Amino acid sequence: CTVEHDAGGGRVAALRTDEMALYDSSRPLTCHTAEPEFTALLAQVPRSLLPLPPDASPELEVVRTSSGEGMGALLARYLTA
């Protein structure tokens, strides 16, 4: 799956199996896949609940992380339970 933020002008991330992406849900997002069947899990967290400075958003656009190790694995466990 290829995830693109703000089509044409934003960041792009190619996600592989067992990866996840963090993105700013207040901006347009598109996901393209060549696979006929594709499953995705989306979890939306209000920005007000995240301890981030207001100008942090551009740094966190479409950040890819593994759901099989580290903090990504911990988060994935709770999202898929």
Protein backbone atom coordinates (compact mmCIF):
# COMPACT_ATOMS: atom_id res chain seq x y z
CA CYS A 1 0.00 0.00 0.00
CA THR A 2 1.32 3.43 -0.85
CA VAL A 3 0.05 6.16 1.45
CA GLU A 4 0.20 9.77 0.29
CA HIS A 5 -0.57 12.86 2.38
CA ASP A 6 -1.95 15.92 0.55
CA ALA A 7 -1.83 14.31 -2.90
CA GLY A 8 0.95 15.74 -5.01
CA GLY A 9 2.57 17.91 -2.35
CA GLY A 10 2.85 15.87 0.81
CA ARG A 11 4.83 12.91 2.05
CA VAL A 12 4.61 9.41 0.65
CA ALA A 13 5.24 6.10 2.45
CA ALA A 14 5.22 2.60 0.99
CA LEU A 15 3.81 0.28 3.65
CA ARG A 16 4.66 -3.40 3.77
CA THR A 17 2.97 -6.20 5.67
CA ASP A 18 3.00 -5.61 9.44
CA GLU A 19 3.81 -1.92 9.15
CA MET A 20 1.67 1.00 10.18
CA ALA A 21 1.71 4.72 9.54
CA LEU A 22 0.93 7.71 11.70
CA TYR A 23 -0.62 10.66 9.91
CA ASP A 24 -2.43 13.94 10.51
CA SER A 25 -6.12 13.13 9.93
CA SER A 26 -7.00 16.81 9.45
CA ARG A 27 -5.31 16.69 6.02
CA PRO A 28 -6.25 14.67 2.90
CA LEU A 29 -4.85 11.14 2.70
CA THR A 30 -4.96 8.60 -0.12
CA CYS A 31 -3.95 4.95 -0.13
CA HIS A 32 -3.15 3.04 -3.34
CA THR A 33 -2.66 -0.70 -3.55
CA ALA A 34 -2.12 -3.10 -6.45
CA GLU A 35 -3.48 -5.98 -4.40
CA PRO A 36 -7.12 -6.96 -5.10
CA GLU A 37 -7.71 -7.61 -1.39
CA PHE A 38 -6.12 -5.36 1.18
CA THR A 39 -6.89 -5.03 4.88
CA ALA A 40 -6.03 -1.96 6.90
CA LEU A 41 -6.66 -0.87 10.47
CA LEU A 42 -7.09 2.84 11.12
CA ALA A 43 -7.18 4.36 14.58
CA GLN A 44 -7.87 8.05 14.97
CA VAL A 45 -6.62 9.83 18.08
CA PRO A 46 -7.69 13.44 18.71
CA ARG A 47 -4.68 15.73 18.43
CA SER A 48 -5.62 17.31 21.76
CA LEU A 49 -4.77 14.00 23.47
CA LEU A 50 -1.25 13.86 22.03
CA PRO A 51 1.54 15.69 23.86
CA LEU A 52 2.88 17.37 20.71
CA PRO A 53 3.73 21.01 20.04
CA PRO A 54 1.49 22.71 17.43
CA ASP A 55 4.29 22.86 14.85
CA ALA A 56 5.14 19.13 15.11
CA SER A 57 2.60 18.07 12.48
CA PRO A 58 4.82 18.42 9.37
CA GLU A 59 7.45 16.22 11.02
CA LEU A 60 4.90 13.49 11.68
CA GLU A 61 3.18 13.28 8.30
CA VAL A 62 2.94 9.67 7.20
CA VAL A 63 5.54 8.23 9.54
CA ARG A 64 6.04 4.51 8.87
CA THR A 65 6.82 2.12 11.71
CA SER A 66 6.91 -1.63 12.26
CA SER A 67 4.04 -3.23 14.13
CA GLY A 68 6.25 -6.21 14.97
CA GLU A 69 8.86 -4.62 17.23
CA GLY A 70 9.44 -1.82 19.70
CA MET A 71 6.75 0.76 20.43
CA GLY A 72 4.92 -0.16 17.22
CA ALA A 73 4.43 -3.71 18.51
CA LEU A 74 3.09 -2.41 21.82
CA LEU A 75 0.62 -0.11 20.04
CA ALA A 76 -0.41 -2.82 17.55
CA ARG A 77 -1.23 -5.20 20.39
CA TYR A 78 -3.80 -2.76 21.79
CA LEU A 79 -5.23 -1.80 18.40
CA THR A 80 -5.83 -5.39 17.32
CA ALA A 81 -6.96 -6.89 20.64
